[in-house]
Protein backbone atom coordinates (compact mmCIF):
# COMPACT_ATOMS: atom_id res chain seq x y z
CA MET A 1 9.96 -25.51 77.24
CA ASN A 2 8.85 -28.26 74.83
CA SER A 3 8.04 -27.63 71.19
CA ARG A 4 4.25 -27.78 71.68
CA LYS A 5 4.42 -25.05 74.33
CA ILE A 6 6.69 -22.94 72.12
CA PHE A 7 4.19 -23.20 69.26
CA LEU A 8 1.24 -22.31 71.44
CA SER A 9 3.14 -19.39 72.88
CA LEU A 10 4.06 -18.02 69.44
CA THR A 11 0.49 -18.51 68.14
CA LEU A 12 -1.02 -16.70 71.13
CA GLY A 13 1.55 -13.94 70.81
CA PHE A 14 0.81 -13.50 67.11
CA ALA A 15 -2.91 -13.36 67.77
CA ALA A 16 -2.41 -10.83 70.49
CA GLY A 17 -0.22 -8.76 68.18
CA VAL A 18 -2.91 -8.79 65.50
CA MET A 19 -5.52 -7.65 67.95
CA ALA A 20 -3.27 -4.90 69.35
CA GLN A 21 -2.35 -3.53 65.92
CA THR A 22 -5.82 -3.59 64.30
CA ALA A 23 -7.67 -0.28 64.60
CA ASP A 24 -11.22 0.42 63.43
CA GLY A 25 -11.40 -0.26 59.72
CA GLY A 26 -8.44 -2.66 59.82
CA LEU A 27 -8.28 -6.38 58.97
CA SER A 28 -9.30 -8.01 62.21
CA PRO A 29 -9.13 -11.80 62.60
CA GLN A 30 -12.96 -11.95 62.35
CA ILE A 31 -12.98 -10.00 59.04
CA ILE A 32 -10.20 -12.14 57.64
CA SER A 33 -12.16 -15.27 58.59
CA GLU A 34 -15.24 -13.95 56.76
CA ILE A 35 -13.15 -13.10 53.72
CA GLN A 36 -11.66 -16.59 53.65
CA LYS A 37 -15.10 -18.22 53.98
CA SER A 38 -16.25 -16.30 50.87
CA HIS A 39 -13.44 -17.83 48.86
CA LYS A 40 -14.60 -21.40 48.44
CA MET A 41 -12.49 -23.32 45.98
CA CYS A 42 -14.62 -25.62 43.85
CA ALA A 43 -13.00 -27.98 41.37
CA GLY A 44 -13.35 -25.37 38.55
CA SER A 45 -11.79 -22.62 40.67
CA ARG A 46 -8.82 -24.87 41.55
CA ALA A 47 -8.29 -25.65 37.91
CA LEU A 48 -8.32 -21.95 37.03
CA ALA A 49 -5.92 -21.13 39.89
CA ASN A 50 -3.55 -23.83 38.64
CA ALA A 51 -3.77 -22.52 35.11
CA MET A 52 -3.07 -18.93 36.18
CA ALA A 53 -0.07 -20.05 38.24
CA SER A 54 1.79 -20.93 35.07
CA ASN A 55 0.09 -18.97 32.28
CA SER A 56 -0.44 -15.34 31.17
CA ILE A 57 -3.69 -13.86 32.34
CA ASP A 58 -4.33 -12.41 28.87
CA ASN A 59 -3.88 -15.83 27.26
CA LEU A 60 -6.43 -17.36 29.61
CA ALA A 61 -8.90 -14.45 29.31
CA GLN A 62 -8.68 -14.17 25.50
CA ASN A 63 -12.09 -14.36 23.85
CA HIS A 64 -11.69 -17.19 21.34
CA ALA A 65 -14.79 -16.09 19.44
CA ASN A 66 -13.07 -12.75 18.80
CA ALA A 67 -9.71 -14.17 17.79
CA GLY A 68 -10.39 -14.98 14.14
CA GLU A 69 -8.78 -13.55 11.06
CA LEU A 70 -8.81 -9.74 10.96
CA ASP A 71 -10.62 -7.80 8.28
CA THR A 72 -7.93 -5.42 7.03
CA TYR A 73 -10.04 -3.64 4.42
CA PHE A 74 -10.67 0.09 4.86
CA SER A 75 -13.05 2.07 2.68
CA VAL A 76 -11.16 5.34 3.40
CA GLU A 77 -7.39 5.15 3.71
CA THR A 78 -4.65 7.76 3.39
CA PRO A 79 -1.42 6.94 1.47
CA LYS A 80 1.01 4.66 3.34
CA GLN A 81 4.30 5.97 4.54
CA SER A 82 7.31 4.49 6.33
CA ILE A 83 6.76 3.31 9.92
CA THR A 84 8.98 4.77 12.59
CA ASP A 85 10.26 3.38 15.88
CA GLN A 86 10.50 5.45 19.11
CA GLN A 87 12.62 2.68 20.72
CA SER A 88 12.84 2.93 24.53
CA SER A 89 11.67 6.53 24.75
CA GLY A 90 8.41 8.28 25.52
CA ARG A 91 8.38 10.46 22.41
CA CYS A 92 5.25 9.03 20.73
CA TRP A 93 3.72 12.52 20.55
CA MET A 94 6.62 13.78 18.46
CA PHE A 95 6.62 10.68 16.23
CA SER A 96 2.92 11.06 15.62
CA GLY A 97 3.21 14.78 15.02
CA PHE A 98 6.03 14.26 12.54
CA ASN A 99 4.02 11.54 10.76
CA VAL A 100 1.34 14.21 10.15
CA LEU A 101 3.84 16.83 8.96
CA ARG A 102 5.64 14.52 6.53
CA SER A 103 2.34 13.11 5.21
CA ASN A 104 1.14 16.73 4.51
CA PHE A 105 4.47 17.42 2.83
CA ALA A 106 4.18 14.38 0.61
CA GLN A 107 0.60 15.29 -0.30
CA ARG A 108 1.57 18.87 -1.11
CA THR A 109 4.66 18.02 -3.21
CA ASP A 110 3.16 14.83 -4.71
CA SER A 111 6.53 13.16 -5.36
CA LEU A 112 8.91 14.10 -2.50
CA THR A 113 9.44 12.40 0.85
CA VAL A 114 11.29 13.50 3.95
CA GLU A 115 12.54 11.82 7.16
CA LEU A 116 12.70 14.32 10.00
CA SER A 117 15.09 14.35 12.99
CA HIS A 118 13.30 13.56 16.24
CA GLY A 119 16.58 14.05 18.08
CA TYR A 120 16.81 17.70 16.96
CA LEU A 121 13.46 18.79 18.27
CA PHE A 122 13.79 16.49 21.37
CA PHE A 123 16.92 18.43 22.34
CA TRP A 124 15.02 21.74 22.39
CA ASP A 125 12.01 20.07 24.08
CA GLN A 126 14.23 18.85 26.95
CA LEU A 127 15.95 22.21 27.34
CA GLU A 128 12.57 23.99 27.50
CA LYS A 129 11.28 21.53 30.05
CA ALA A 130 14.34 22.20 32.16
CA ASN A 131 13.56 25.94 31.92
CA LEU A 132 9.94 25.23 32.84
CA PHE A 133 11.11 23.52 36.02
CA LEU A 134 13.63 26.12 37.05
CA GLN A 135 11.32 29.06 36.39
CA GLY A 136 8.45 27.24 38.14
CA VAL A 137 10.63 26.76 41.17
CA ILE A 138 11.46 30.45 41.19
CA ASP A 139 7.80 31.45 40.85
CA THR A 140 6.75 29.12 43.70
CA ALA A 141 9.86 29.63 45.88
CA LYS A 142 7.95 31.32 48.72
CA LYS A 143 5.60 28.36 49.09
CA PRO A 144 6.63 25.42 51.44
CA MET A 145 8.19 22.29 49.99
CA ASP A 146 5.06 20.28 50.72
CA ASP A 147 2.88 22.69 48.70
CA GLN A 148 1.05 20.83 45.86
CA ARG A 149 2.45 23.07 43.13
CA VAL A 150 6.01 22.90 44.46
CA GLN A 151 5.78 19.08 44.61
CA PHE A 152 4.38 19.09 41.05
CA PHE A 153 7.68 20.53 39.81
CA PHE A 154 10.09 18.57 42.01
CA LYS A 155 8.35 15.22 41.54
CA ASN A 156 9.04 15.19 37.75
CA PRO A 157 11.45 17.92 36.62
CA ILE A 158 11.84 16.58 33.13
CA ASN A 159 10.18 13.89 31.01
CA ASP A 160 9.78 12.59 27.46
CA GLY A 161 6.03 13.14 27.09
CA GLY A 162 4.04 15.78 25.28
CA THR A 163 1.21 16.53 22.90
CA PHE A 164 0.83 17.88 19.35
CA CYS A 165 0.68 21.39 20.89
CA GLY A 166 4.39 20.91 21.73
CA VAL A 167 5.21 19.80 18.21
CA ALA A 168 3.61 22.92 16.78
CA ASP A 169 5.36 25.32 19.25
CA LEU A 170 8.77 23.67 18.86
CA VAL A 171 8.63 23.56 15.01
CA ASP A 172 7.59 27.19 14.78
CA LYS A 173 10.32 28.29 17.19
CA TYR A 174 13.30 26.04 16.31
CA GLY A 175 12.49 24.71 12.84
CA LEU A 176 13.28 21.25 11.53
CA VAL A 177 16.22 19.28 10.30
CA PRO A 178 16.45 15.99 8.31
CA LYS A 179 17.16 12.81 10.17
CA SER A 180 20.31 12.31 8.16
CA VAL A 181 21.70 15.59 9.50
CA MET A 182 21.02 14.85 13.19
CA PRO A 183 20.41 11.09 13.59
CA GLU A 184 19.28 9.32 16.76
CA THR A 185 21.83 8.53 19.52
CA TYR A 186 21.76 5.87 22.15
CA SER A 187 20.37 8.34 24.71
CA SER A 188 17.66 9.71 22.44
CA ASP A 189 16.48 6.12 21.74
CA ASN A 190 16.97 5.12 25.39
CA THR A 191 16.12 8.14 27.47
CA SER A 192 15.74 6.83 31.05
CA ARG A 193 19.32 7.22 32.32
CA MET A 194 19.85 10.62 30.75
CA ALA A 195 16.49 11.82 32.19
CA ARG A 196 17.34 10.53 35.71
CA LEU A 197 20.67 12.32 35.71
CA ILE A 198 19.27 15.59 34.39
CA SER A 199 16.35 15.39 36.84
CA SER A 200 18.71 14.92 39.74
CA LYS A 201 20.79 17.95 38.70
CA LEU A 202 17.66 20.05 38.21
CA ARG A 203 16.40 19.19 41.68
CA GLU A 204 19.74 20.28 43.13
CA PHE A 205 19.49 23.53 41.13
CA GLY A 206 15.90 24.01 42.27
CA LEU A 207 16.95 23.98 45.96
CA GLN A 208 19.64 26.56 45.26
CA LEU A 209 17.11 28.82 43.51
CA ARG A 210 14.70 28.53 46.36
CA GLN A 211 17.52 29.51 48.74
CA MET A 212 18.37 32.57 46.62
CA VAL A 213 14.74 33.71 46.79
CA SER A 214 14.65 33.09 50.52
CA ASP A 215 17.83 35.13 50.93
CA GLY A 216 16.23 38.05 49.10
CA LYS A 217 18.48 37.99 46.04
CA LYS A 218 17.54 40.38 43.26
CA PRO A 219 15.51 39.00 40.30
CA ALA A 220 18.37 39.77 37.87
CA ALA A 221 20.80 37.75 39.92
CA ILE A 222 18.41 34.84 40.10
CA THR A 223 17.84 34.95 36.34
CA ALA A 224 21.58 35.02 35.72
CA GLU A 225 22.03 31.99 37.95
CA LYS A 226 19.19 30.16 36.19
CA THR A 227 20.90 30.84 32.82
CA LYS A 228 24.13 29.33 34.11
CA MET A 229 22.24 26.26 35.32
CA LEU A 230 20.60 25.88 31.88
CA GLY A 231 24.11 25.98 30.42
CA THR A 232 24.88 22.83 32.40
CA VAL A 233 21.73 21.14 31.12
CA TYR A 234 22.59 22.18 27.55
CA ARG A 235 26.00 20.58 27.91
CA MET A 236 24.46 17.31 29.23
CA LEU A 237 22.00 17.23 26.40
CA ALA A 238 24.63 18.03 23.74
CA MET A 239 26.79 15.16 25.03
CA THR A 240 23.93 12.66 24.97
CA ILE A 241 21.63 13.72 22.08
CA GLY A 242 24.09 15.80 20.08
CA GLU A 243 24.31 19.57 19.54
CA PRO A 244 21.70 20.98 17.11
CA PRO A 245 23.18 22.17 13.80
CA ALA A 246 22.96 25.82 12.84
CA GLU A 247 23.03 25.09 9.11
CA PHE A 248 23.43 22.09 6.79
CA VAL A 249 23.37 20.97 3.15
CA TYR A 250 20.50 18.72 1.96
CA ALA A 251 18.82 17.48 -1.21
CA PHE A 252 15.24 16.25 -1.12
CA LYS A 253 14.41 12.81 -2.47
CA ASP A 254 11.61 11.22 -4.43
CA LYS A 255 9.61 8.21 -3.33
CA LYS A 256 12.27 5.92 -4.78
CA GLY A 257 15.04 7.52 -2.70
CA ARG A 258 16.62 9.46 -5.63
CA ALA A 259 17.89 12.99 -5.02
CA VAL A 260 15.75 15.68 -6.72
CA GLY A 261 17.70 18.75 -7.86
CA GLU A 262 20.81 20.26 -6.43
CA ALA A 263 21.66 20.05 -2.72
CA LYS A 264 21.01 23.37 -0.97
CA LYS A 265 22.21 25.07 2.23
CA TYR A 266 19.51 25.35 4.85
CA THR A 267 19.10 26.58 8.38
CA PRO A 268 16.58 24.73 10.59
CA MET A 269 14.08 27.52 9.94
CA THR A 270 14.45 27.66 6.17
CA PHE A 271 14.17 23.85 5.99
CA ARG A 272 11.06 24.07 8.17
CA ASN A 273 9.49 26.43 5.68
CA GLU A 274 10.25 24.03 2.85
CA VAL A 275 8.51 21.17 4.76
CA VAL A 276 5.47 22.85 6.34
CA GLY A 277 5.20 26.19 4.56
CA ASN A 278 5.78 29.73 5.71
CA GLU A 279 2.66 29.98 7.96
CA PRO A 280 2.92 29.02 11.68
CA VAL A 281 1.79 25.43 12.44
CA ASN A 282 0.21 26.82 15.65
CA GLY A 283 -3.22 28.16 14.84
CA THR A 284 -3.96 25.80 11.92
CA PHE A 285 -5.66 23.15 14.09
CA ILE A 286 -7.81 22.49 17.11
CA MET A 287 -7.39 19.84 19.70
CA ALA A 288 -10.59 18.00 20.52
CA MET A 289 -10.85 15.87 23.58
CA ASN A 290 -13.51 13.47 24.83
CA ASP A 291 -13.85 13.81 28.62
CA PRO A 292 -17.36 12.73 29.75
CA ARG A 293 -16.67 14.11 33.22
CA ARG A 294 -16.77 17.72 31.97
CA GLU A 295 -19.34 19.81 30.11
CA TYR A 296 -19.21 19.33 26.32
CA TYR A 297 -18.82 22.24 23.90
CA LYS A 298 -16.66 24.11 26.41
CA THR A 299 -13.03 25.13 25.92
CA TYR A 300 -10.48 24.35 28.59
CA GLU A 301 -6.85 25.26 29.22
CA VAL A 302 -4.31 23.32 31.30
CA GLU A 303 -2.59 25.58 33.84
CA TYR A 304 1.20 25.21 34.14
CA ASP A 305 1.29 23.22 30.93
CA ARG A 306 4.65 22.26 29.43
CA HIS A 307 4.61 25.48 27.33
CA THR A 308 3.68 27.99 30.06
CA TYR A 309 6.88 30.02 29.52
CA ASP A 310 7.83 28.88 25.99
CA GLY A 311 4.89 28.70 23.67
CA HIS A 312 1.20 28.28 24.24
CA ASN A 313 -0.64 26.54 27.10
CA TRP A 314 -2.42 23.30 26.15
CA LYS A 315 -5.95 24.33 25.07
CA TYR A 316 -8.73 22.05 23.88
CA ILE A 317 -12.44 21.81 23.24
CA ASN A 318 -14.41 19.00 24.91
CA LEU A 319 -16.63 17.19 22.46
CA PRO A 320 -18.77 14.04 22.27
CA MET A 321 -17.26 11.24 20.33
CA GLU A 322 -19.81 11.65 17.54
CA ASP A 323 -18.45 15.12 16.70
CA ILE A 324 -14.79 13.92 16.98
CA GLU A 325 -15.50 11.05 14.63
CA ARG A 326 -17.23 13.26 12.05
CA MET A 327 -14.28 15.56 11.86
CA ALA A 328 -11.86 12.59 11.64
CA VAL A 329 -13.78 11.05 8.75
CA ALA A 330 -13.83 14.36 6.88
CA SER A 331 -10.05 14.74 7.25
CA LEU A 332 -9.33 11.15 6.15
CA LYS A 333 -11.59 11.47 3.12
CA ASP A 334 -9.34 14.37 2.03
CA GLY A 335 -6.22 12.30 2.52
CA ARG A 336 -5.13 14.03 5.70
CA LYS A 337 -3.73 12.01 8.59
CA MET A 338 -4.23 13.18 12.17
CA TYR A 339 -2.50 13.13 15.56
CA SER A 340 -4.61 11.11 18.04
CA SER A 341 -4.14 9.54 21.46
CA TYR A 342 -5.52 6.64 23.40
CA ASP A 343 -5.30 4.43 26.51
CA VAL A 344 -3.56 1.95 24.23
CA GLY A 345 -2.90 -0.84 26.75
CA LYS A 346 -6.65 -1.54 27.39
CA MET A 347 -8.01 -4.62 25.65
CA LEU A 348 -5.02 -4.63 23.23
CA ASP A 349 -4.05 -7.83 21.39
CA ARG A 350 -0.45 -6.97 20.84
CA LYS A 351 0.33 -10.04 18.69
CA ARG A 352 -2.31 -9.15 16.10
CA GLY A 353 -2.18 -5.35 16.48
CA TYR A 354 -5.89 -5.30 17.24
CA ALA A 355 -7.79 -3.31 19.89
CA ASP A 356 -11.41 -4.28 20.72
CA THR A 357 -13.52 -4.23 23.88
CA GLU A 358 -14.27 -7.93 23.31
CA ASN A 359 -10.69 -9.16 23.02
CA TYR A 360 -10.55 -10.41 26.65
CA ASP A 361 -13.10 -11.59 29.18
CA TYR A 362 -11.39 -10.85 32.49
CA GLY A 363 -14.72 -10.79 34.39
CA SER A 364 -15.57 -14.43 33.68
CA LEU A 365 -11.99 -15.50 34.46
CA PHE A 366 -12.10 -14.00 37.92
CA GLY A 367 -15.82 -14.50 38.58
CA THR A 368 -16.59 -10.78 38.86
CA THR A 369 -17.33 -7.76 36.68
CA PHE A 370 -15.40 -4.66 35.62
CA GLY A 371 -18.24 -2.18 35.40
CA MET A 372 -16.80 1.33 35.43
CA ASP A 373 -17.74 3.65 32.53
CA LYS A 374 -15.29 5.98 30.79
CA ALA A 375 -15.87 8.93 33.11
CA GLN A 376 -15.44 6.72 36.20
CA ARG A 377 -12.24 5.22 34.83
CA ILE A 378 -10.78 8.67 34.21
CA SER A 379 -11.82 9.97 37.65
CA THR A 380 -10.24 7.08 39.49
CA PHE A 381 -6.93 7.12 37.46
CA ASP A 382 -7.90 3.73 35.95
CA SER A 383 -7.74 5.18 32.44
CA GLY A 384 -6.34 8.14 30.60
CA SER A 385 -4.37 9.06 27.50
CA THR A 386 -1.12 7.07 27.45
CA HIS A 387 0.03 6.92 23.84
CA ALA A 388 -0.21 8.97 20.67
CA MET A 389 -0.59 7.44 17.20
CA THR A 390 -1.41 8.71 13.75
CA LEU A 391 -4.98 8.19 12.56
CA THR A 392 -4.73 7.01 8.97
CA ALA A 393 -7.85 5.09 7.86
CA VAL A 394 -11.47 4.34 8.62
CA ASP A 395 -13.91 1.70 7.36
CA ILE A 396 -17.51 3.00 6.92
CA ASP A 397 -20.56 0.77 6.60
CA ALA A 398 -23.48 1.18 4.20
CA GLU A 399 -25.22 3.61 6.62
CA GLY A 400 -22.21 5.83 6.76
CA LYS A 401 -21.15 4.80 10.29
CA PRO A 402 -17.52 3.95 11.24
CA VAL A 403 -16.91 0.31 11.93
CA LYS A 404 -13.18 0.26 12.49
CA TRP A 405 -10.18 2.59 12.33
CA LYS A 406 -6.45 2.26 11.68
CA VAL A 407 -3.48 4.13 13.11
CA GLU A 408 0.22 4.21 12.23
CA ASN A 409 2.13 3.37 15.38
CA SER A 410 5.71 4.18 16.33
CA TRP A 411 6.85 0.72 17.61
CA GLY A 412 8.56 -0.37 14.40
CA ALA A 413 7.34 -1.89 11.12
CA SER A 414 7.34 -5.45 12.46
CA TRP A 415 4.82 -4.72 15.21
CA GLY A 416 1.13 -5.49 14.84
CA GLN A 417 -0.29 -5.03 11.34
CA ASN A 418 2.94 -3.98 9.58
CA GLY A 419 3.52 -1.33 12.16
CA CYS A 420 -0.18 -0.31 12.35
CA LEU A 421 -3.01 -0.91 14.84
CA ILE A 422 -6.57 -1.75 13.87
CA MET A 423 -9.27 -0.58 16.34
CA THR A 424 -12.96 -1.27 16.42
CA ASP A 425 -15.31 1.71 16.71
CA ARG A 426 -16.62 0.48 20.09
CA TRP A 427 -13.05 0.42 21.40
CA ILE A 428 -12.40 3.95 20.07
CA ARG A 429 -15.40 5.33 21.92
CA GLU A 430 -14.12 3.88 25.25
CA TYR A 431 -10.38 4.52 24.94
CA MET A 432 -9.77 7.42 22.58
CA PHE A 433 -9.14 10.80 24.17
CA ARG A 434 -7.47 13.36 21.82
CA LEU A 435 -7.68 14.31 18.20
CA VAL A 436 -5.80 17.13 16.46
CA VAL A 437 -7.57 18.16 13.29
CA ASP A 438 -6.95 20.88 10.73
CA LYS A 439 -9.50 23.74 11.08
CA LYS A 440 -10.71 23.21 7.49
CA TYR A 441 -12.47 20.02 8.66
CA VAL A 442 -14.06 21.59 11.76
CA PRO A 443 -17.69 22.78 11.58
CA ALA A 444 -18.14 26.53 11.94
CA ASP A 445 -20.08 26.26 15.24
CA ILE A 446 -17.29 24.20 16.86
CA LEU A 447 -14.64 26.61 15.56
CA LYS A 448 -16.56 29.45 17.25
CA MET A 449 -16.89 27.48 20.50
CA ASN A 450 -13.13 26.83 20.41
CA GLU A 451 -12.55 30.61 20.62
CA GLN A 452 -14.47 31.08 23.88
CA LYS A 453 -12.62 32.02 27.04
CA PRO A 454 -11.20 28.78 28.37
CA VAL A 455 -11.88 27.28 31.78
CA MET A 456 -8.60 26.70 33.61
CA VAL A 457 -7.94 23.20 34.79
CA MET A 458 -5.20 21.70 36.95
CA PRO A 459 -2.21 19.77 35.48
CA GLU A 460 -2.50 16.99 38.08
CA ASP A 461 -5.74 15.82 36.47
CA PRO A 462 -5.47 12.18 35.34
CA LEU A 463 -6.36 13.09 31.76
CA PHE A 464 -3.59 15.67 31.28
CA LEU A 465 -0.70 13.36 31.58
CA PRO A 466 1.51 13.81 28.48
CA ASP A 467 1.37 11.20 25.74
CA GLU A 468 4.36 8.82 25.77
């Protein structure tokens, strides 16, 4: 057979294969032809295609008119503090939470500073998450493996993420230690390998617990086996993060780094009381969220939250952005920083540390539009809370309206605006989701609404992914 016949044979065979494999709704040759006809490359389109072949999309879509020098003045700004770095970990929620605690401590003591150990609280966070998985597996053991709740646990047995609710629960239960007493390790800064290994072991343990339930073992025997399994996880965490200290000696320092007074012996709980006071952190704040899909001025609770067995389920009140911003301004005017979270990757100019809805014009670049609103983006998993940062400043215009905001980030002091991110108010309204604010800055009517019986919501919701 000559080459021309071979080519025709292969072509006809391919066409027949396409026809045979294309069901209703598939990409038939006719549909592909219509799609290709709609893509007519004019000279301008070819130039853009050539540019995109060798350049960053963001560089090409950057709005030059919005790329001028940043206005870094803020009419309301809380005192600056050292910028932290979460390295290659998903612990932004803990870094932001600690920023708030140490800022409150500095404000209360006036002259003292403190650096807190993220590794210490992360150890207990990981152990509690392991317990959540194992106990969740026991409680759902009679359901099939393809049940949605069973898959919820096995899909992600352990992770780095969380919210300020976790910081409050962990601090009240385990206390705090200084960073100098339990410094970071390679695995606390770079969590992925440790998390994969512990997750694999937990899944193995989960199957064993399901079998014990299936075999009709007594609850006491199952609990004893779970405790042994947690002993293995404890050992893995102690070897990678370090074992938490039971007591230590420490002297507080002033803002110039000089020791103040005699060094004292502390336990994690007595040190916690020195830093945050004797009252529980939990109960001093509310979490407000902006979710335009759901009814405003209602309280919601996330079922099977991270703290289902150890602490308090994640509870929040859903509010319009206007209410959230009013509380934020009141807190900042009193010098109090706040935990907050965002879809930080959207419209973010990383080089300048600047977030604005007008930073990039992707629509013009691709000859289309990106028209979903905030509710639609959440519903379709296109947007949600991805990163927690510490709200530290706001700039208010002559009419009393916010123009721009600033947060302390946890990506190191050399990132963005000396470790901070400046965000326009129009960006905040589109991509901010959570704010944790002290109750003293919350209006009485909202405080009352926050106490209503919560509506239970499912943890698979796109807006309830933990901040990382």
